[in-house]
Protein backbone atom coordinates (compact mmCIF):
# COMPACT_ATOMS: atom_id res chain seq x y z
CA UNK A 1 -0.44 -0.42 -0.72
CA UNK A 2 1.12 3.30 -0.96
CA UNK A 3 -1.27 4.97 2.57
CA UNK A 4 1.95 7.09 5.05
CA UNK A 5 -1.30 5.27 7.84
CA UNK A 6 -2.51 2.21 7.33
CA UNK A 7 -6.12 2.55 8.33
CA UNK A 8 -5.70 -0.09 11.59
CA UNK A 9 -3.60 2.07 12.78
CA UNK A 10 -5.24 5.98 13.12
CA UNK A 11 -6.00 5.15 15.90
CA UNK A 12 -3.09 4.76 17.55
CA UNK A 13 -0.96 7.62 15.54
CA UNK A 14 -4.14 10.20 16.31
CA UNK A 15 -2.99 9.58 20.34
CA UNK A 16 0.11 9.23 19.29
CA UNK A 17 0.46 12.74 18.07
CA UNK A 18 -2.93 14.68 20.26
CA UNK A 19 -0.49 15.80 22.40
CA UNK A 20 1.60 18.34 20.38
CA UNK A 21 -1.84 18.49 18.07
CA UNK A 22 -3.22 20.29 20.81
CA UNK A 23 -0.67 22.56 21.97
CA UNK A 24 -0.97 24.14 17.77
CA UNK A 25 -3.03 26.79 18.87
CA UNK A 26 -5.06 26.98 15.29
CA UNK A 27 -3.88 23.52 13.58
CA UNK A 28 -6.89 21.15 12.87
CA UNK A 29 -5.25 17.72 13.11
CA UNK A 30 -7.15 15.66 10.57
CA UNK A 31 -6.99 12.17 8.30
CA UNK A 32 -7.92 11.74 4.70
CA UNK A 33 -7.49 9.69 1.70
CA UNK A 34 -6.80 7.73 0.35
CA UNK A 35 -5.17 9.96 -2.09
CA UNK A 36 -3.72 8.35 -5.99
CA UNK A 37 0.06 8.55 -5.73
CA UNK A 38 -0.84 11.41 -9.14
CA UNK A 39 -2.31 13.72 -6.80
CA UNK A 40 1.76 14.33 -5.25
CA UNK A 41 2.88 15.36 -8.80
CA UNK A 42 1.80 18.45 -10.62
CA UNK A 43 -0.59 17.74 -13.32
CA UNK A 44 1.03 17.07 -16.93
CA UNK A 45 -0.88 19.51 -18.08
CA UNK A 46 0.66 22.69 -17.08
CA UNK A 47 2.85 24.29 -19.08
CA UNK A 48 7.12 23.89 -18.01
CA UNK A 49 8.67 25.55 -15.48
CA UNK A 50 10.43 27.84 -17.05
CA UNK A 51 13.55 26.83 -14.22
CA UNK A 52 13.10 23.07 -15.39
CA UNK A 53 13.39 24.12 -18.94
CA UNK A 54 16.67 25.32 -19.04
CA UNK A 55 18.20 22.64 -17.23
């Protein structure tokens, strides 16, 4: 699997980060997903970056 936190471990993960999350004013920790791998990459239809094109 490609998940960062396996579904069966979400509750344990949230319990472990709760102390840190409770000290982060204005920040909400909300699990989401699953997200497909391509959701982390730019669209292929997006124009090429001038910086990358010059490489």
